[in-house]
Amino acid sequence: MFDFIGFKAGAMAFLLAFVVAGLFTIAFKYVYQWVTPYNERALIRQGNTAAAIALAGALIGYVLPLASALSHTVSLPEFAAWATLAGVIQIAAFTGVRIVALPDVKARIESGEVSIGIYLAGISIAVGLLNAACMTA
C-alpha cells in the first residue's frame, strides 16, 4: 500500500535539501567569480571557452562535496557547515594555484587559452573529489 504521508514528508525533505544546496551553489558561484581576477560573466558572454571551462570545473568541484554532504549529514546546520567548508577549500585551492603556478592566469584566461581553463577545471574537480571523500570519514 502506498504511504502518502511518508511520501509527502520525503518529498518535502528532498525539496528543502535541493533548494538549500542550490542556494549554496549560487552563493559559491558569485563568491568564486568575485575572487577570480577576470570577469567570467563577460568573458563567457563573449564566447571565451577557457573561462567557461574553468568556471564549470569550479562548480563541479564544489557540487561534488555538496552531494557527499547531503548523503552523510543528518541536519541542515551540519550540511551548511560542510557546504561552507567546501566553498572555502575550493577558493583556497584556486588562490593557491593562482599564486604558485599561474601568476599570469588573468591574461591567459582573458586571451582564451583553453589549456589553462582545462587545467583549472581539473584542479577544481580533483579538489572537489578529495573534499567529498574526506567528508565520508
C-alpha atoms as a PDB file:
ATOM      1  CA  MET A   1       0.000   0.000   0.000  1.00  0.00           C
ATOM      2  CA  PHE A   2       1.266   3.482  -0.846  1.00  0.00           C
ATOM      3  CA  ASP A   3       2.228   5.608   2.172  1.00  0.00           C
ATOM      4  CA  PHE A   4       1.185   9.097   1.069  1.00  0.00           C
ATOM      5  CA  ILE A   5       2.196  10.757   4.371  1.00  0.00           C
ATOM      6  CA  GLY A   6       5.670   9.211   4.216  1.00  0.00           C
ATOM      7  CA  PHE A   7       5.998  10.185   0.571  1.00  0.00           C
ATOM      8  CA  LYS A   8       4.931  13.750   1.309  1.00  0.00           C
ATOM      9  CA  ALA A   9       7.471  14.054   4.140  1.00  0.00           C
ATOM     10  CA  GLY A  10      10.198  12.577   1.952  1.00  0.00           C
ATOM     11  CA  ALA A  11       9.309  14.878  -0.928  1.00  0.00           C
ATOM     12  CA  MET A  12       9.442  17.914   1.349  1.00  0.00           C
ATOM     13  CA  ALA A  13      12.847  16.836   2.731  1.00  0.00           C
ATOM     14  CA  PHE A  14      14.109  16.362  -0.837  1.00  0.00           C
ATOM     15  CA  LEU A  15      12.803  19.747  -1.915  1.00  0.00           C
ATOM     16  CA  LEU A  16      14.346  21.513   1.086  1.00  0.00           C
ATOM     17  CA  ALA A  17      17.714  19.828   0.557  1.00  0.00           C
ATOM     18  CA  PHE A  18      17.668  20.557  -3.174  1.00  0.00           C
ATOM     19  CA  VAL A  19      16.772  24.219  -2.693  1.00  0.00           C
ATOM     20  CA  VAL A  20      19.349  24.775   0.048  1.00  0.00           C
ATOM     21  CA  ALA A  21      22.070  23.037  -1.981  1.00  0.00           C
ATOM     22  CA  GLY A  22      21.095  25.144  -4.993  1.00  0.00           C
ATOM     23  CA  LEU A  23      21.319  28.347  -2.966  1.00  0.00           C
ATOM     24  CA  PHE A  24      24.750  27.361  -1.650  1.00  0.00           C
ATOM     25  CA  THR A  25      25.866  26.632  -5.221  1.00  0.00           C
ATOM     26  CA  ILE A  26      24.672  30.029  -6.429  1.00  0.00           C
ATOM     27  CA  ALA A  27      26.390  31.733  -3.496  1.00  0.00           C
ATOM     28  CA  PHE A  28      29.611  29.841  -4.234  1.00  0.00           C
ATOM     29  CA  LYS A  29      29.441  30.865  -7.904  1.00  0.00           C
ATOM     30  CA  TYR A  30      29.177  34.534  -7.001  1.00  0.00           C
ATOM     31  CA  VAL A  31      31.962  34.388  -4.403  1.00  0.00           C
ATOM     32  CA  TYR A  32      34.203  32.438  -6.790  1.00  0.00           C
ATOM     33  CA  GLN A  33      33.600  34.975  -9.549  1.00  0.00           C
ATOM     34  CA  TRP A  34      34.369  37.786  -7.120  1.00  0.00           C
ATOM     35  CA  VAL A  35      37.687  36.151  -6.151  1.00  0.00           C
ATOM     36  CA  THR A  36      38.941  35.436  -9.666  1.00  0.00           C
ATOM     37  CA  PRO A  37      40.937  38.247 -11.286  1.00  0.00           C
ATOM     38  CA  TYR A  38      38.918  38.066 -14.508  1.00  0.00           C
ATOM     39  CA  ASN A  39      35.244  38.639 -15.268  1.00  0.00           C
ATOM     40  CA  GLU A  40      33.836  35.200 -16.130  1.00  0.00           C
ATOM     41  CA  ARG A  41      30.404  36.528 -16.950  1.00  0.00           C
ATOM     42  CA  ALA A  42      31.658  38.992 -19.545  1.00  0.00           C
ATOM     43  CA  LEU A  43      34.216  36.563 -20.951  1.00  0.00           C
ATOM     44  CA  ILE A  44      31.697  33.746 -21.304  1.00  0.00           C
ATOM     45  CA  ARG A  45      29.215  36.076 -22.987  1.00  0.00           C
ATOM     46  CA  GLN A  46      31.985  36.944 -25.457  1.00  0.00           C
ATOM     47  CA  GLY A  47      32.489  33.246 -26.186  1.00  0.00           C
ATOM     48  CA  ASN A  48      35.635  32.679 -24.135  1.00  0.00           C
ATOM     49  CA  THR A  49      35.845  28.890 -23.847  1.00  0.00           C
ATOM     50  CA  ALA A  50      38.697  28.942 -21.326  1.00  0.00           C
ATOM     51  CA  ALA A  51      36.656  30.992 -18.851  1.00  0.00           C
ATOM     52  CA  ALA A  52      33.630  28.737 -19.321  1.00  0.00           C
ATOM     53  CA  ILE A  53      35.660  25.565 -18.739  1.00  0.00           C
ATOM     54  CA  ALA A  54      37.354  26.973 -15.644  1.00  0.00           C
ATOM     55  CA  LEU A  55      34.050  28.113 -14.130  1.00  0.00           C
ATOM     56  CA  ALA A  56      32.309  24.838 -14.973  1.00  0.00           C
ATOM     57  CA  GLY A  57      35.136  22.925 -13.295  1.00  0.00           C
ATOM     58  CA  ALA A  58      34.895  25.094 -10.199  1.00  0.00           C
ATOM     59  CA  LEU A  59      31.146  24.482  -9.997  1.00  0.00           C
ATOM     60  CA  ILE A  60      31.543  20.726 -10.448  1.00  0.00           C
ATOM     61  CA  GLY A  61      34.365  20.719  -7.906  1.00  0.00           C
ATOM     62  CA  TYR A  62      32.105  22.487  -5.439  1.00  0.00           C
ATOM     63  CA  VAL A  63      28.998  20.388  -6.042  1.00  0.00           C
ATOM     64  CA  LEU A  64      30.818  17.059  -5.588  1.00  0.00           C
ATOM     65  CA  PRO A  65      31.372  17.608  -1.843  1.00  0.00           C
ATOM     66  CA  LEU A  66      27.860  19.047  -1.546  1.00  0.00           C
ATOM     67  CA  ALA A  67      26.495  15.749  -2.827  1.00  0.00           C
ATOM     68  CA  SER A  68      28.622  13.898  -0.290  1.00  0.00           C
ATOM     69  CA  ALA A  69      27.488  16.208   2.500  1.00  0.00           C
ATOM     70  CA  LEU A  70      23.846  15.683   1.549  1.00  0.00           C
ATOM     71  CA  SER A  71      24.398  11.935   1.763  1.00  0.00           C
ATOM     72  CA  HIS A  72      26.254  11.956   5.073  1.00  0.00           C
ATOM     73  CA  THR A  73      24.766  14.719   7.196  1.00  0.00           C
ATOM     74  CA  VAL A  74      21.694  14.483   9.366  1.00  0.00           C
ATOM     75  CA  SER A  75      20.761  18.125   9.797  1.00  0.00           C
ATOM     76  CA  LEU A  76      20.568  21.323   7.816  1.00  0.00           C
ATOM     77  CA  PRO A  77      23.086  23.176  10.046  1.00  0.00           C
ATOM     78  CA  GLU A  78      25.577  20.326   9.621  1.00  0.00           C
ATOM     79  CA  PHE A  79      25.081  20.405   5.853  1.00  0.00           C
ATOM     80  CA  ALA A  80      25.523  24.190   5.845  1.00  0.00           C
ATOM     81  CA  ALA A  81      28.815  23.854   7.709  1.00  0.00           C
ATOM     82  CA  TRP A  82      30.153  21.287   5.202  1.00  0.00           C
ATOM     83  CA  ALA A  83      28.900  23.356   2.260  1.00  0.00           C
ATOM     84  CA  THR A  84      30.683  26.418   3.605  1.00  0.00           C
ATOM     85  CA  LEU A  85      33.884  24.455   4.187  1.00  0.00           C
ATOM     86  CA  ALA A  86      33.702  23.040   0.645  1.00  0.00           C
ATOM     87  CA  GLY A  87      33.497  26.568  -0.748  1.00  0.00           C
ATOM     88  CA  VAL A  88      36.403  27.785   1.356  1.00  0.00           C
ATOM     89  CA  ILE A  89      38.530  24.844   0.202  1.00  0.00           C
ATOM     90  CA  GLN A  90      37.715  25.472  -3.483  1.00  0.00           C
ATOM     91  CA  ILE A  91      38.535  29.179  -3.175  1.00  0.00           C
ATOM     92  CA  ALA A  92      41.753  28.386  -1.309  1.00  0.00           C
ATOM     93  CA  ALA A  93      42.761  25.872  -3.984  1.00  0.00           C
ATOM     94  CA  PHE A  94      42.176  28.395  -6.774  1.00  0.00           C
ATOM     95  CA  THR A  95      44.071  31.088  -4.862  1.00  0.00           C
ATOM     96  CA  GLY A  96      46.984  28.743  -4.162  1.00  0.00           C
ATOM     97  CA  VAL A  97      47.253  27.651  -7.787  1.00  0.00           C
ATOM     98  CA  ARG A  98      46.999  31.245  -8.938  1.00  0.00           C
ATOM     99  CA  ILE A  99      49.813  32.378  -6.636  1.00  0.00           C
ATOM    100  CA  VAL A 100      52.125  29.378  -7.018  1.00  0.00           C
ATOM    101  CA  ALA A 101      51.631  28.016 -10.527  1.00  0.00           C
ATOM    102  CA  LEU A 102      49.706  30.573 -12.585  1.00  0.00           C
ATOM    103  CA  PRO A 103      50.513  34.161 -11.667  1.00  0.00           C
ATOM    104  CA  ASP A 104      49.559  35.088 -15.241  1.00  0.00           C
ATOM    105  CA  VAL A 105      46.170  33.323 -15.131  1.00  0.00           C
ATOM    106  CA  LYS A 106      44.207  36.532 -15.756  1.00  0.00           C
ATOM    107  CA  ALA A 107      45.906  37.258 -19.069  1.00  0.00           C
ATOM    108  CA  ARG A 108      45.804  33.617 -20.153  1.00  0.00           C
ATOM    109  CA  ILE A 109      42.092  33.166 -19.410  1.00  0.00           C
ATOM    110  CA  GLU A 110      41.227  36.533 -20.979  1.00  0.00           C
ATOM    111  CA  SER A 111      43.122  35.544 -24.133  1.00  0.00           C
ATOM    112  CA  GLY A 112      41.067  32.345 -24.283  1.00  0.00           C
ATOM    113  CA  GLU A 113      43.884  29.866 -23.617  1.00  0.00           C
ATOM    114  CA  VAL A 114      41.817  26.686 -23.350  1.00  0.00           C
ATOM    115  CA  SER A 115      44.626  24.645 -21.788  1.00  0.00           C
ATOM    116  CA  ILE A 116      44.578  26.880 -18.704  1.00  0.00           C
ATOM    117  CA  GLY A 117      40.802  26.580 -18.442  1.00  0.00           C
ATOM    118  CA  ILE A 118      41.100  22.797 -18.562  1.00  0.00           C
ATOM    119  CA  TYR A 119      43.950  22.840 -16.030  1.00  0.00           C
ATOM    120  CA  LEU A 120      41.918  24.977 -13.607  1.00  0.00           C
ATOM    121  CA  ALA A 121      38.836  22.801 -14.106  1.00  0.00           C
ATOM    122  CA  GLY A 122      40.880  19.661 -13.470  1.00  0.00           C
ATOM    123  CA  ILE A 123      42.320  21.035 -10.256  1.00  0.00           C
ATOM    124  CA  SER A 124      38.872  22.149  -9.067  1.00  0.00           C
ATOM    125  CA  ILE A 125      37.346  18.743  -9.786  1.00  0.00           C
ATOM    126  CA  ALA A 126      40.262  16.898  -8.152  1.00  0.00           C
ATOM    127  CA  VAL A 127      39.979  19.068  -5.041  1.00  0.00           C
ATOM    128  CA  GLY A 128      36.222  18.520  -5.003  1.00  0.00           C
ATOM    129  CA  LEU A 129      36.623  14.736  -5.224  1.00  0.00           C
ATOM    130  CA  LEU A 130      39.134  14.693  -2.380  1.00  0.00           C
ATOM    131  CA  ASN A 131      36.939  17.003  -0.348  1.00  0.00           C
ATOM    132  CA  ALA A 132      33.895  14.781  -0.923  1.00  0.00           C
ATOM    133  CA  ALA A 133      35.825  11.656   0.042  1.00  0.00           C
ATOM    134  CA  CYS A 134      37.069  13.262   3.254  1.00  0.00           C
ATOM    135  CA  MET A 135      33.502  14.064   4.272  1.00  0.00           C
ATOM    136  CA  THR A 136      32.673  10.363   4.496  1.00  0.00           C
ATOM    137  CA  ALA A 137      35.197   9.716   7.263  1.00  0.00           C
END
